[in-house]
Structures are given as structure tokens and as C-alpha cells.
Amino acid sequence: MSAPTAPPAIGETATAAPGPAPSSSAVRHSAVEDVLGILTGTFAASLGLFLLKSSGAVTGGTAGLALLLSYSLPLSFGVIFMAVNAPFFALAVWKKGWNFALRTGAAIGLVSAMSSLHPAAMAGVHIDPVYGVLAGNLLAGVGLLILFRHQSSLGGFNILALLLQEKLKWRAGYVQMVLDVAIVLAALALVSPVMVLLSAAGATLLNFILALNHRPGRYLGS
């Protein structure tokens, strides 16, 4: 199946989507499952971003841009992450509807809030850069995958990648991989070339996780 479409709003009647009928084994997520899924996804993603920031690395998308800006601006990552994603929230409303947009806005807010939780809980912990980059991107990828499957995202390129998968059948992971590598290369202005190469490898890992798991026919829940 293509990227998940938002369920009908309260009071609306669900209509059949174009294309083949869904499998009888497909089961919609309940409201409780969606809440728990979004909480789990944002926790995993925010922990991954904490490991990346602690390693002095970057990643792709608006999260990578926010990390990059946090190294040079006297503002917290959470504040920058919210500001960078603001324009993409409007895109989400326009192209994906209020259901998806509100879930995405909630996910962005939760990641921004949780960005101050992990440093407080793990103050003074030394993180090896290689471990931090690989583990951080793996956690971020798993977190994004969970959010995608619960009609949500972390804004920015996630929304654009999902739209392209839905409209042009391009895999979201591959689309985001190209965009992310471009963001990581821009990090040469602030971090060492070695860390940029390591960050690029980590961003590739993140998007390989998405490309492998988030594609037509792989997942039936919605």
C-alpha cells in the first residue's frame, strides 16, 4: 500500500480508497494504540537525537538542521526544532489534512519537550561518537517508522517524502535519503570532515531502515 492516509474525522463517513480493496486482515489502530504509538515513536526519536547531539554529529531533515543550528545559536534544540518545522506544519495541513497535521504537531512538540529530558537523566555520560551516531540514527529511524504507521511524522522532509511516496510511488526512505545527505554535507561549515562522513553514514542507515520497512504491501495496519 502507499503511505497511510488519515482516518476520517469525527462525524465523517469513511469512503473507499481508490485501488485494490484492503486485505481482510488489515485492522485499524485504536485511539489508545495511536497515543501509545506516538509516545513510543517520539521517545525513541528524541533519544536518538540526544545521542547525535552528544556526539557532536548531525543527521538529515529538519532534525539535522535544528542540530546544526543548535551548535551555533544560543537556543535549545527543542526551540529550534519547533521553529524550523513551523512552515512544514502548514504543508501538512494543506496536503495531508488536519488529522495528520495535528498528530505531527503533537509529535514535534513531544520531541521538543523530551529533548530536555534525556540530558537531565544522563548528565555527565560520555558517549563514543561512532556509537552515538549509529545508535542515534537507528533509534531515530525506528521512531520515525512507528510515527509513520500511526498517521504522524516529525515534520519537514518526512512530510515531503510521504507525499512523494503517495503521489509518485517513490519510496519515502529513498527520497529522504537524498535530501538528508544534502543537509549533512552542509554541515561541513561547522563540524569536521570526519564527523560529516560519519554523520552521512548514520543518515544513510536511518533511511535504509525506512526504505526497508515503510513501503507498499509491507504493513497493513492504519
Protein backbone atom coordinates (compact mmCIF):
# COMPACT_ATOMS: atom_id res chain seq x y z
CA MET A 1 0.00 0.00 0.00
CA SER A 2 1.08 3.59 -0.38
CA ALA A 3 1.77 5.94 2.52
CA PRO A 4 -1.01 5.67 5.10
CA THR A 5 -3.95 8.00 4.61
CA ALA A 6 -5.55 9.79 7.53
CA PRO A 7 -8.68 8.19 9.02
CA PRO A 8 -11.94 10.16 8.61
CA ALA A 9 -12.53 12.98 11.07
CA ILE A 10 -15.14 12.58 13.80
CA GLY A 11 -18.58 12.76 12.27
CA GLU A 12 -17.46 11.89 8.75
CA THR A 13 -18.23 8.67 6.94
CA ALA A 14 -15.29 6.64 5.70
CA THR A 15 -15.17 6.22 1.92
CA ALA A 16 -13.45 3.52 -0.03
CA ALA A 17 -9.95 4.45 -1.16
CA PRO A 18 -9.12 4.03 -4.86
CA GLY A 19 -7.30 0.91 -5.94
CA PRO A 20 -7.49 -2.67 -4.72
CA ALA A 21 -9.57 -3.41 -1.65
CA PRO A 22 -7.51 -3.78 1.54
CA SER A 23 -6.85 -7.22 2.92
CA SER A 24 -9.40 -8.56 5.36
CA SER A 25 -6.58 -8.94 7.87
CA ALA A 26 -5.96 -5.16 7.98
CA VAL A 27 -7.02 -3.71 11.33
CA ARG A 28 -7.20 -0.03 12.17
CA HIS A 29 -5.28 1.25 15.17
CA SER A 30 -7.47 2.24 18.08
CA ALA A 31 -7.16 5.69 19.68
CA VAL A 32 -5.23 4.19 22.61
CA GLU A 33 -2.84 2.41 20.23
CA ASP A 34 -2.26 5.66 18.36
CA VAL A 35 -1.48 7.57 21.55
CA LEU A 36 0.91 4.87 22.79
CA GLY A 37 2.47 4.57 19.35
CA ILE A 38 3.13 8.31 19.07
CA LEU A 39 4.55 8.42 22.60
CA THR A 40 6.83 5.46 21.84
CA GLY A 41 7.92 6.85 18.49
CA THR A 42 8.72 10.30 19.85
CA PHE A 43 10.63 8.86 22.80
CA ALA A 44 12.78 6.69 20.52
CA ALA A 45 13.38 9.54 18.07
CA SER A 46 14.22 12.08 20.79
CA LEU A 47 16.65 9.64 22.44
CA GLY A 48 18.31 9.11 19.09
CA LEU A 49 18.66 12.87 18.57
CA PHE A 50 20.14 13.18 22.08
CA LEU A 51 22.82 10.62 21.18
CA LEU A 52 23.58 12.51 17.98
CA LYS A 53 23.87 15.87 19.74
CA SER A 54 26.02 14.35 22.49
CA SER A 55 28.34 13.01 19.78
CA GLY A 56 28.61 16.39 18.05
CA ALA A 57 27.06 14.88 14.92
CA VAL A 58 24.24 15.85 12.60
CA THR A 59 21.64 14.00 10.61
CA GLY A 60 19.30 14.85 7.77
CA GLY A 61 16.00 16.68 7.54
CA THR A 62 14.74 19.39 9.84
CA ALA A 63 16.10 17.48 12.84
CA GLY A 64 19.59 17.67 11.33
CA LEU A 65 19.13 21.34 10.51
CA ALA A 66 17.99 22.00 14.08
CA LEU A 67 21.01 20.13 15.45
CA LEU A 68 23.32 22.11 13.19
CA LEU A 69 21.81 25.43 14.27
CA SER A 70 21.93 24.43 17.95
CA TYR A 71 25.74 24.24 17.70
CA SER A 72 25.97 27.91 16.72
CA LEU A 73 22.91 29.60 18.26
CA PRO A 74 22.24 30.34 21.96
CA LEU A 75 18.94 28.46 21.81
CA SER A 76 17.95 24.96 22.87
CA PHE A 77 17.46 22.21 20.30
CA GLY A 78 13.78 21.94 21.24
CA VAL A 79 13.06 25.60 20.48
CA ILE A 80 14.95 25.49 17.18
CA PHE A 81 13.27 22.22 16.17
CA MET A 82 9.81 23.73 16.70
CA ALA A 83 10.72 26.89 14.74
CA VAL A 84 12.25 25.02 11.79
CA ASN A 85 9.19 22.79 11.46
CA ALA A 86 6.60 25.58 11.60
CA PRO A 87 6.41 26.10 7.80
CA PHE A 88 6.07 22.36 7.19
CA PHE A 89 3.09 22.18 9.54
CA ALA A 90 1.19 24.37 7.07
CA LEU A 91 2.22 21.98 4.28
CA ALA A 92 0.90 19.07 6.30
CA VAL A 93 -2.48 20.77 6.78
CA TRP A 94 -2.71 21.60 3.07
CA LYS A 95 -1.67 18.24 1.65
CA LYS A 96 -2.45 15.67 4.34
CA GLY A 97 -5.34 17.17 6.29
CA TRP A 98 -5.84 18.22 9.89
CA ASN A 99 -5.75 14.70 11.31
CA PHE A 100 -2.22 14.02 10.09
CA ALA A 101 -1.12 17.61 10.76
CA LEU A 102 -2.30 17.63 14.37
CA ARG A 103 -0.67 14.27 15.08
CA THR A 104 2.54 15.54 13.50
CA GLY A 105 2.36 18.77 15.51
CA ALA A 106 1.91 16.74 18.69
CA ALA A 107 4.90 14.54 17.78
CA ILE A 108 7.09 17.57 17.10
CA GLY A 109 6.05 19.11 20.41
CA LEU A 110 6.76 15.88 22.29
CA VAL A 111 10.24 15.52 20.75
CA SER A 112 10.99 19.15 21.59
CA ALA A 113 9.88 18.62 25.19
CA MET A 114 11.73 15.32 25.55
CA SER A 115 14.92 16.91 24.22
CA SER A 116 15.49 18.32 27.72
CA LEU A 117 14.58 15.06 29.48
CA HIS A 118 17.46 12.91 28.25
CA PRO A 119 20.29 15.34 29.17
CA ALA A 120 18.85 15.63 32.68
CA ALA A 121 18.60 11.84 33.07
CA MET A 122 22.06 11.10 31.63
CA ALA A 123 24.06 14.10 32.74
CA GLY A 124 27.82 13.58 32.52
CA VAL A 125 27.59 10.35 30.50
CA HIS A 126 30.35 10.06 27.89
CA ILE A 127 29.15 8.73 24.54
CA ASP A 128 31.56 7.40 21.94
CA PRO A 129 30.94 9.32 18.67
CA VAL A 130 30.73 6.20 16.47
CA TYR A 131 28.28 4.53 18.85
CA GLY A 132 26.32 7.76 19.27
CA VAL A 133 25.93 8.33 15.53
CA LEU A 134 24.97 4.75 14.64
CA ALA A 135 22.72 4.13 17.65
CA GLY A 136 21.23 7.60 17.40
CA ASN A 137 20.23 7.20 13.76
CA LEU A 138 18.94 3.67 14.35
CA LEU A 139 16.70 4.90 17.18
CA ALA A 140 15.56 7.90 15.15
CA GLY A 141 14.72 5.62 12.21
CA VAL A 142 12.71 3.23 14.36
CA GLY A 143 10.93 6.18 15.98
CA LEU A 144 10.01 7.64 12.58
CA LEU A 145 8.79 4.26 11.37
CA ILE A 146 6.47 3.98 14.38
CA LEU A 147 5.17 7.51 13.80
CA PHE A 148 4.52 6.88 10.10
CA ARG A 149 2.45 3.83 10.99
CA HIS A 150 0.33 5.91 13.36
CA GLN A 151 -0.55 8.64 10.83
CA SER A 152 2.15 11.00 12.08
CA SER A 153 5.68 12.20 11.35
CA LEU A 154 8.29 14.64 12.62
CA GLY A 155 7.51 17.25 10.01
CA GLY A 156 9.89 18.66 7.46
CA PHE A 157 11.24 16.24 4.90
CA ASN A 158 9.21 13.42 6.48
CA ILE A 159 6.04 15.04 5.17
CA LEU A 160 7.55 15.72 1.75
CA ALA A 161 8.84 12.13 1.47
CA LEU A 162 5.44 10.71 2.43
CA LEU A 163 3.69 12.93 -0.13
CA LEU A 164 6.03 11.82 -2.92
CA GLN A 165 5.54 8.17 -1.97
CA GLU A 166 1.78 8.64 -2.01
CA LYS A 167 1.62 10.58 -5.30
CA LEU A 168 4.55 9.21 -7.32
CA LYS A 169 5.08 5.83 -5.60
CA TRP A 170 8.66 6.77 -4.71
CA ARG A 171 9.79 5.05 -1.52
CA ALA A 172 9.80 7.55 1.33
CA GLY A 173 13.13 6.26 2.66
CA TYR A 174 14.99 6.78 -0.63
CA VAL A 175 13.52 10.25 -1.17
CA GLN A 176 14.51 11.34 2.30
CA MET A 177 17.95 9.78 1.89
CA VAL A 178 18.81 12.14 -0.96
CA LEU A 179 17.52 15.19 0.91
CA ASP A 180 19.25 14.17 4.13
CA VAL A 181 22.66 13.70 2.54
CA ALA A 182 22.41 17.23 1.17
CA ILE A 183 21.74 18.57 4.68
CA VAL A 184 24.61 16.55 6.15
CA LEU A 185 27.04 17.89 3.53
CA ALA A 186 26.07 21.42 4.52
CA ALA A 187 27.43 20.58 7.99
CA LEU A 188 30.97 20.94 6.62
CA ALA A 189 30.69 24.59 7.55
CA LEU A 190 30.51 23.79 11.29
CA VAL A 191 31.84 20.29 12.02
CA SER A 192 34.93 18.33 11.00
CA PRO A 193 35.02 16.39 7.70
CA VAL A 194 35.42 13.12 9.62
CA MET A 195 32.26 13.79 11.62
CA VAL A 196 30.43 14.78 8.44
CA LEU A 197 31.34 11.45 6.84
CA LEU A 198 30.25 9.58 9.96
CA SER A 199 27.02 11.60 10.05
CA ALA A 200 26.34 10.80 6.38
CA ALA A 201 26.79 7.10 7.09
CA GLY A 202 24.38 7.39 10.02
CA ALA A 203 21.78 9.24 7.93
CA THR A 204 22.04 6.52 5.29
CA LEU A 205 21.41 3.90 7.99
CA LEU A 206 18.34 5.79 9.20
CA ASN A 207 16.82 5.98 5.74
CA PHE A 208 17.70 2.38 4.90
CA ILE A 209 15.57 1.38 7.90
CA LEU A 210 12.67 3.42 6.47
CA ALA A 211 13.14 2.15 2.91
CA LEU A 212 13.27 -1.46 4.10
CA ASN A 213 10.19 -1.28 6.30
CA HIS A 214 7.95 1.52 5.05
CA ARG A 215 6.85 0.54 1.54
CA PRO A 216 3.77 -0.68 -0.33
CA GLY A 217 2.43 -4.04 0.86
CA ARG A 218 4.74 -4.28 3.87
CA TYR A 219 2.30 -3.07 6.54
CA LEU A 220 -1.48 -3.49 6.75
CA GLY A 221 -2.41 -1.51 9.88
CA SER A 222 -3.64 2.07 9.50
